[in-house]
PDB file of all heavy atoms in Angstrom:
ATOM      1  N   ASP A   1      -2.668 -32.818 167.828  1.00  0.00           N
ATOM      2  CA  ASP A   1      -3.936 -33.461 167.476  1.00  0.00           C
ATOM      3  C   ASP A   1      -3.744 -34.734 166.667  1.00  0.00           C
ATOM      4  O   ASP A   1      -4.700 -35.296 166.148  1.00  0.00           O
ATOM      5  CB  ASP A   1      -4.844 -32.487 166.713  1.00  0.00           C
ATOM      6  CG  ASP A   1      -4.227 -31.993 165.405  1.00  0.00           C
ATOM      7  OD1 ASP A   1      -3.135 -32.495 165.025  1.00  0.00           O
ATOM      8  OD2 ASP A   1      -4.820 -31.105 164.769  1.00  0.00           O
ATOM      9  N   GLY A   2      -2.501 -35.219 166.567  1.00  0.00           N
ATOM     10  CA  GLY A   2      -2.257 -36.458 165.851  1.00  0.00           C
ATOM     11  C   GLY A   2      -2.474 -37.702 166.691  1.00  0.00           C
ATOM     12  O   GLY A   2      -2.270 -38.818 166.222  1.00  0.00           O
ATOM     13  N   SER A   3      -2.882 -37.517 167.939  1.00  0.00           N
ATOM     14  CA  SER A   3      -3.147 -38.635 168.841  1.00  0.00           C
ATOM     15  C   SER A   3      -4.504 -38.433 169.482  1.00  0.00           C
ATOM     16  O   SER A   3      -4.889 -37.294 169.778  1.00  0.00           O
ATOM     17  CB  SER A   3      -2.060 -38.704 169.925  1.00  0.00           C
ATOM     18  OG  SER A   3      -2.418 -39.604 170.948  1.00  0.00           O
ATOM     19  N   PRO A   4      -5.264 -39.522 169.711  1.00  0.00           N
ATOM     20  CA  PRO A   4      -6.570 -39.355 170.371  1.00  0.00           C
ATOM     21  C   PRO A   4      -6.452 -38.836 171.794  1.00  0.00           C
ATOM     22  O   PRO A   4      -7.396 -38.262 172.324  1.00  0.00           O
ATOM     23  CB  PRO A   4      -7.171 -40.760 170.330  1.00  0.00           C
ATOM     24  CG  PRO A   4      -6.039 -41.684 170.077  1.00  0.00           C
ATOM     25  CD  PRO A   4      -5.023 -40.918 169.307  1.00  0.00           C
ATOM     26  N   LEU A   5      -5.295 -39.036 172.433  1.00  0.00           N
ATOM     27  CA  LEU A   5      -5.064 -38.500 173.766  1.00  0.00           C
ATOM     28  C   LEU A   5      -4.278 -37.198 173.656  1.00  0.00           C
ATOM     29  O   LEU A   5      -3.388 -37.068 172.823  1.00  0.00           O
ATOM     30  CB  LEU A   5      -4.267 -39.495 174.618  1.00  0.00           C
ATOM     31  CG  LEU A   5      -4.930 -40.848 174.889  1.00  0.00           C
ATOM     32  CD1 LEU A   5      -3.965 -41.749 175.638  1.00  0.00           C
ATOM     33  CD2 LEU A   5      -6.213 -40.670 175.668  1.00  0.00           C
ATOM     34  N   LYS A   6      -4.609 -36.224 174.489  1.00  0.00           N
ATOM     35  CA  LYS A   6      -3.867 -34.975 174.480  1.00  0.00           C
ATOM     36  C   LYS A   6      -2.419 -35.240 174.859  1.00  0.00           C
ATOM     37  O   LYS A   6      -2.124 -35.889 175.862  1.00  0.00           O
ATOM     38  CB  LYS A   6      -4.487 -33.967 175.452  1.00  0.00           C
ATOM     39  CG  LYS A   6      -5.787 -33.362 174.952  1.00  0.00           C
ATOM     40  CD  LYS A   6      -6.255 -32.228 175.860  1.00  0.00           C
ATOM     41  CE  LYS A   6      -7.505 -31.566 175.308  1.00  0.00           C
ATOM     42  NZ  LYS A   6      -7.959 -30.442 176.165  1.00  0.00           N
ATOM     43  N   THR A   7      -1.515 -34.734 174.037  1.00  0.00           N
ATOM     44  CA  THR A   7      -0.101 -34.941 174.308  1.00  0.00           C
ATOM     45  C   THR A   7       0.697 -33.767 173.796  1.00  0.00           C
ATOM     46  O   THR A   7       0.261 -33.049 172.892  1.00  0.00           O
ATOM     47  CB  THR A   7       0.405 -36.234 173.651  1.00  0.00           C
ATOM     48  OG1 THR A   7       1.737 -36.501 174.087  1.00  0.00           O
ATOM     49  CG2 THR A   7       0.418 -36.120 172.135  1.00  0.00           C
ATOM     50  N   SER A   8       1.847 -33.555 174.382  1.00  0.00           N
ATOM     51  CA  SER A   8       2.769 -32.520 173.915  1.00  0.00           C
ATOM     52  C   SER A   8       3.963 -33.186 173.261  1.00  0.00           C
ATOM     53  O   SER A   8       4.389 -34.275 173.660  1.00  0.00           O
ATOM     54  CB  SER A   8       3.243 -31.646 175.089  1.00  0.00           C
ATOM     55  OG  SER A   8       2.150 -30.937 175.646  1.00  0.00           O
ATOM     56  N   LEU A   9       4.483 -32.521 172.234  1.00  0.00           N
ATOM     57  CA  LEU A   9       5.658 -32.996 171.522  1.00  0.00           C
ATOM     58  C   LEU A   9       6.728 -31.920 171.543  1.00  0.00           C
ATOM     59  O   LEU A   9       6.430 -30.730 171.491  1.00  0.00           O
ATOM     60  CB  LEU A   9       5.340 -33.333 170.063  1.00  0.00           C
ATOM     61  CG  LEU A   9       4.302 -34.407 169.743  1.00  0.00           C
ATOM     62  CD1 LEU A   9       4.146 -34.540 168.234  1.00  0.00           C
ATOM     63  CD2 LEU A   9       4.682 -35.738 170.361  1.00  0.00           C
ATOM     64  N   ALA A  10       7.990 -32.358 171.596  1.00  0.00           N
ATOM     65  CA  ALA A  10       9.117 -31.445 171.469  1.00  0.00           C
ATOM     66  C   ALA A  10      10.054 -31.983 170.405  1.00  0.00           C
ATOM     67  O   ALA A  10      10.142 -33.201 170.195  1.00  0.00           O
ATOM     68  CB  ALA A  10       9.855 -31.296 172.795  1.00  0.00           C
ATOM     69  N   LEU A  11      10.735 -31.083 169.718  1.00  0.00           N
ATOM     70  CA  LEU A  11      11.779 -31.459 168.770  1.00  0.00           C
ATOM     71  C   LEU A  11      13.099 -30.944 169.325  1.00  0.00           C
ATOM     72  O   LEU A  11      13.302 -29.732 169.473  1.00  0.00           O
ATOM     73  CB  LEU A  11      11.510 -30.869 167.389  1.00  0.00           C
ATOM     74  CG  LEU A  11      12.445 -31.367 166.280  1.00  0.00           C
ATOM     75  CD1 LEU A  11      12.140 -32.825 165.945  1.00  0.00           C
ATOM     76  CD2 LEU A  11      12.322 -30.504 165.022  1.00  0.00           C
ATOM     77  N   PHE A  12      13.972 -31.882 169.646  1.00  0.00           N
ATOM     78  CA  PHE A  12      15.260 -31.560 170.267  1.00  0.00           C
ATOM     79  C   PHE A  12      16.370 -31.953 169.304  1.00  0.00           C
ATOM     80  O   PHE A  12      16.452 -33.107 168.881  1.00  0.00           O
ATOM     81  CB  PHE A  12      15.398 -32.316 171.590  1.00  0.00           C
ATOM     82  CG  PHE A  12      16.675 -32.041 172.333  1.00  0.00           C
ATOM     83  CD1 PHE A  12      16.908 -30.789 172.900  1.00  0.00           C
ATOM     84  CD2 PHE A  12      17.637 -33.034 172.482  1.00  0.00           C
ATOM     85  CE1 PHE A  12      18.084 -30.538 173.596  1.00  0.00           C
ATOM     86  CE2 PHE A  12      18.808 -32.795 173.187  1.00  0.00           C
ATOM     87  CZ  PHE A  12      19.041 -31.543 173.739  1.00  0.00           C
ATOM     88  N   ARG A  13      17.204 -30.984 168.943  1.00  0.00           N
ATOM     89  CA  ARG A  13      18.292 -31.243 167.995  1.00  0.00           C
ATOM     90  C   ARG A  13      19.610 -31.376 168.744  1.00  0.00           C
ATOM     91  O   ARG A  13      20.024 -30.487 169.482  1.00  0.00           O
ATOM     92  CB  ARG A  13      18.392 -30.134 166.964  1.00  0.00           C
ATOM     93  CG  ARG A  13      19.509 -30.368 165.929  1.00  0.00           C
ATOM     94  CD  ARG A  13      19.458 -29.367 164.780  1.00  0.00           C
ATOM     95  NE  ARG A  13      20.520 -29.600 163.820  1.00  0.00           N
ATOM     96  CZ  ARG A  13      20.496 -30.534 162.884  1.00  0.00           C
ATOM     97  NH1 ARG A  13      19.435 -31.321 162.784  1.00  0.00           N
ATOM     98  NH2 ARG A  13      21.503 -30.698 162.047  1.00  0.00           N
ATOM     99  N   SER A  14      20.268 -32.530 168.540  1.00  0.00           N
ATOM    100  CA  SER A  14      21.547 -32.781 169.194  1.00  0.00           C
ATOM    101  C   SER A  14      22.365 -33.732 168.338  1.00  0.00           C
ATOM    102  O   SER A  14      21.814 -34.689 167.756  1.00  0.00           O
ATOM    103  CB  SER A  14      21.332 -33.392 170.588  1.00  0.00           C
ATOM    104  OG  SER A  14      22.557 -33.644 171.236  1.00  0.00           O
ATOM    105  N   CYS A  15      23.660 -33.455 168.212  1.00  0.00           N
ATOM    106  CA  CYS A  15      24.590 -34.322 167.471  1.00  0.00           C
ATOM    107  C   CYS A  15      24.130 -34.562 166.034  1.00  0.00           C
ATOM    108  O   CYS A  15      24.297 -35.658 165.482  1.00  0.00           O
ATOM    109  CB  CYS A  15      24.774 -35.649 168.186  1.00  0.00           C
ATOM    110  SG  CYS A  15      25.369 -35.510 169.878  1.00  0.00           S
ATOM    111  N   GLY A  16      23.504 -33.561 165.427  1.00  0.00           N
ATOM    112  CA  GLY A  16      23.079 -33.667 164.039  1.00  0.00           C
ATOM    113  C   GLY A  16      21.788 -34.412 163.822  1.00  0.00           C
ATOM    114  O   GLY A  16      21.417 -34.709 162.685  1.00  0.00           O
ATOM    115  N   VAL A  17      21.067 -34.711 164.907  1.00  0.00           N
ATOM    116  CA  VAL A  17      19.825 -35.481 164.800  1.00  0.00           C
ATOM    117  C   VAL A  17      18.676 -34.679 165.390  1.00  0.00           C
ATOM    118  O   VAL A  17      18.783 -34.154 166.505  1.00  0.00           O
ATOM    119  CB  VAL A  17      19.955 -36.835 165.546  1.00  0.00           C
ATOM    120  CG1 VAL A  17      18.683 -37.662 165.357  1.00  0.00           C
ATOM    121  CG2 VAL A  17      21.174 -37.611 165.061  1.00  0.00           C
ATOM    122  N   ASP A  18      17.566 -34.578 164.662  1.00  0.00           N
ATOM    123  CA  ASP A  18      16.334 -33.973 165.166  1.00  0.00           C
ATOM    124  C   ASP A  18      15.492 -35.067 165.801  1.00  0.00           C
ATOM    125  O   ASP A  18      14.986 -35.958 165.109  1.00  0.00           O
ATOM    126  CB  ASP A  18      15.561 -33.295 164.037  1.00  0.00           C
ATOM    127  CG  ASP A  18      16.225 -32.009 163.569  1.00  0.00           C
ATOM    128  OD1 ASP A  18      16.729 -31.260 164.414  1.00  0.00           O
ATOM    129  OD2 ASP A  18      16.245 -31.776 162.341  1.00  0.00           O
ATOM    130  N   ILE A  19      15.337 -34.993 167.123  1.00  0.00           N
ATOM    131  CA  ILE A  19      14.719 -36.068 167.891  1.00  0.00           C
ATOM    132  C   ILE A  19      13.334 -35.644 168.367  1.00  0.00           C
ATOM    133  O   ILE A  19      13.184 -34.610 169.036  1.00  0.00           O
ATOM    134  CB  ILE A  19      15.591 -36.424 169.114  1.00  0.00           C
ATOM    135  CG1 ILE A  19      17.020 -36.758 168.674  1.00  0.00           C
ATOM    136  CG2 ILE A  19      14.976 -37.573 169.904  1.00  0.00           C
ATOM    137  CD1 ILE A  19      18.037 -36.644 169.792  1.00  0.00           C
ATOM    138  N   VAL A  20      12.322 -36.427 168.036  1.00  0.00           N
ATOM    139  CA  VAL A  20      10.968 -36.179 168.535  1.00  0.00           C
ATOM    140  C   VAL A  20      10.862 -36.770 169.937  1.00  0.00           C
ATOM    141  O   VAL A  20      11.170 -37.945 170.165  1.00  0.00           O
ATOM    142  CB  VAL A  20       9.902 -36.806 167.625  1.00  0.00           C
ATOM    143  CG1 VAL A  20       8.505 -36.565 168.205  1.00  0.00           C
ATOM    144  CG2 VAL A  20       9.987 -36.238 166.212  1.00  0.00           C
ATOM    145  N   LEU A  21      10.423 -35.940 170.877  1.00  0.00           N
ATOM    146  CA  LEU A  21      10.158 -36.373 172.246  1.00  0.00           C
ATOM    147  C   LEU A  21       8.659 -36.277 172.493  1.00  0.00           C
ATOM    148  O   LEU A  21       8.047 -35.247 172.190  1.00  0.00           O
ATOM    149  CB  LEU A  21      10.918 -35.503 173.250  1.00  0.00           C
ATOM    150  CG  LEU A  21      12.442 -35.436 173.080  1.00  0.00           C
ATOM    151  CD1 LEU A  21      13.034 -34.393 174.025  1.00  0.00           C
ATOM    152  CD2 LEU A  21      13.075 -36.794 173.330  1.00  0.00           C
ATOM    153  N   ALA A  22       8.066 -37.330 173.036  1.00  0.00           N
ATOM    154  CA  ALA A  22       6.615 -37.375 173.229  1.00  0.00           C
ATOM    155  C   ALA A  22       6.281 -37.481 174.708  1.00  0.00           C
ATOM    156  O   ALA A  22       6.926 -38.219 175.460  1.00  0.00           O
ATOM    157  CB  ALA A  22       6.017 -38.556 172.483  1.00  0.00           C
ATOM    158  N   GLU A  23       5.237 -36.759 175.108  1.00  0.00           N
ATOM    159  CA  GLU A  23       4.810 -36.765 176.505  1.00  0.00           C
ATOM    160  C   GLU A  23       3.967 -37.987 176.838  1.00  0.00           C
ATOM    161  O   GLU A  23       3.853 -38.371 177.999  1.00  0.00           O
ATOM    162  CB  GLU A  23       4.027 -35.492 176.814  1.00  0.00           C
ATOM    163  CG  GLU A  23       3.779 -35.258 178.292  1.00  0.00           C
ATOM    164  CD  GLU A  23       3.083 -33.938 178.555  1.00  0.00           C
ATOM    165  OE1 GLU A  23       2.384 -33.435 177.644  1.00  0.00           O
ATOM    166  OE2 GLU A  23       3.233 -33.399 179.664  1.00  0.00           O
ATOM    167  N   THR A  24       3.347 -38.594 175.815  1.00  0.00           N
ATOM    168  CA  THR A  24       2.587 -39.820 176.012  1.00  0.00           C
ATOM    169  C   THR A  24       3.099 -40.885 175.054  1.00  0.00           C
ATOM    170  O   THR A  24       3.891 -40.614 174.154  1.00  0.00           O
ATOM    171  CB  THR A  24       1.077 -39.601 175.796  1.00  0.00           C
ATOM    172  OG1 THR A  24       0.856 -39.157 174.458  1.00  0.00           O
ATOM    173  CG2 THR A  24       0.527 -38.588 176.775  1.00  0.00           C
ATOM    174  N   HIS A  25       2.613 -42.080 175.240  1.00  0.00           N
ATOM    175  CA  HIS A  25       3.041 -43.227 174.442  1.00  0.00           C
ATOM    176  C   HIS A  25       2.302 -43.195 173.109  1.00  0.00           C
ATOM    177  O   HIS A  25       1.112 -43.493 173.035  1.00  0.00           O
ATOM    178  CB  HIS A  25       2.717 -44.514 175.216  1.00  0.00           C
ATOM    179  CG  HIS A  25       3.321 -45.746 174.653  1.00  0.00           C
ATOM    180  ND1 HIS A  25       2.604 -46.646 173.901  1.00  0.00           N
ATOM    181  CD2 HIS A  25       4.578 -46.252 174.738  1.00  0.00           C
ATOM    182  CE1 HIS A  25       3.391 -47.645 173.553  1.00  0.00           C
ATOM    183  NE2 HIS A  25       4.592 -47.439 174.052  1.00  0.00           N
ATOM    184  N   ILE A  26       2.990 -42.814 172.040  1.00  0.00           N
ATOM    185  CA  ILE A  26       2.365 -42.677 170.727  1.00  0.00           C
ATOM    186  C   ILE A  26       3.046 -43.599 169.729  1.00  0.00           C
ATOM    187  O   ILE A  26       4.141 -44.101 169.965  1.00  0.00           O
ATOM    188  CB  ILE A  26       2.427 -41.217 170.208  1.00  0.00           C
ATOM    189  CG1 ILE A  26       3.884 -40.794 169.959  1.00  0.00           C
ATOM    190  CG2 ILE A  26       1.737 -40.270 171.184  1.00  0.00           C
ATOM    191  CD1 ILE A  26       4.021 -39.473 169.238  1.00  0.00           C
ATOM    192  N   GLY A  27       2.397 -43.810 168.594  1.00  0.00           N
ATOM    193  CA  GLY A  27       3.004 -44.555 167.500  1.00  0.00           C
ATOM    194  C   GLY A  27       3.510 -43.597 166.432  1.00  0.00           C
ATOM    195  O   GLY A  27       2.920 -42.540 166.202  1.00  0.00           O
ATOM    196  N   TYR A  28       4.582 -43.994 165.769  1.00  0.00           N
ATOM    197  CA  TYR A  28       5.177 -43.153 164.722  1.00  0.00           C
ATOM    198  C   TYR A  28       4.722 -43.660 163.357  1.00  0.00           C
ATOM    199  O   TYR A  28       5.511 -44.073 162.515  1.00  0.00           O
ATOM    200  CB  TYR A  28       6.700 -43.134 164.883  1.00  0.00           C
ATOM    201  CG  TYR A  28       7.063 -42.438 166.169  1.00  0.00           C
ATOM    202  CD1 TYR A  28       7.156 -43.157 167.362  1.00  0.00           C
ATOM    203  CD2 TYR A  28       7.218 -41.063 166.218  1.00  0.00           C
ATOM    204  CE1 TYR A  28       7.413 -42.513 168.564  1.00  0.00           C
ATOM    205  CE2 TYR A  28       7.473 -40.410 167.413  1.00  0.00           C
ATOM    206  CZ  TYR A  28       7.569 -41.145 168.587  1.00  0.00           C
ATOM    207  OH  TYR A  28       7.819 -40.499 169.775  1.00  0.00           O
ATOM    208  N   THR A  29       3.418 -43.604 163.179  1.00  0.00           N
ATOM    209  CA  THR A  29       2.791 -44.216 162.013  1.00  0.00           C
ATOM    210  C   THR A  29       2.547 -43.248 160.868  1.00  0.00           C
ATOM    211  O   THR A  29       2.254 -43.675 159.762  1.00  0.00           O
ATOM    212  CB  THR A  29       1.442 -44.836 162.413  1.00  0.00           C
ATOM    213  OG1 THR A  29       0.602 -43.814 162.968  1.00  0.00           O
ATOM    214  CG2 THR A  29       1.644 -45.937 163.453  1.00  0.00           C
ATOM    215  N   ASP A  30       2.674 -41.945 161.123  1.00  0.00           N
ATOM    216  CA  ASP A  30       2.333 -40.956 160.106  1.00  0.00           C
ATOM    217  C   ASP A  30       3.431 -39.908 160.008  1.00  0.00           C
ATOM    218  O   ASP A  30       3.953 -39.449 161.036  1.00  0.00           O
ATOM    219  CB  ASP A  30       1.000 -40.273 160.458  1.00  0.00           C
ATOM    220  CG  ASP A  30       0.393 -39.543 159.275  1.00  0.00           C
ATOM    221  OD1 ASP A  30       0.978 -38.526 158.847  1.00  0.00           O
ATOM    222  OD2 ASP A  30      -0.645 -39.987 158.782  1.00  0.00           O
TER     223      ASP A  30
END
């Protein structure tokens, strides 16, 4: 619900980094 458009997010951990993956084009403002 952090985007006006419905979107799914995943958190993928690899090589010591927690990576946010977004299904739609979002901004990382918050």
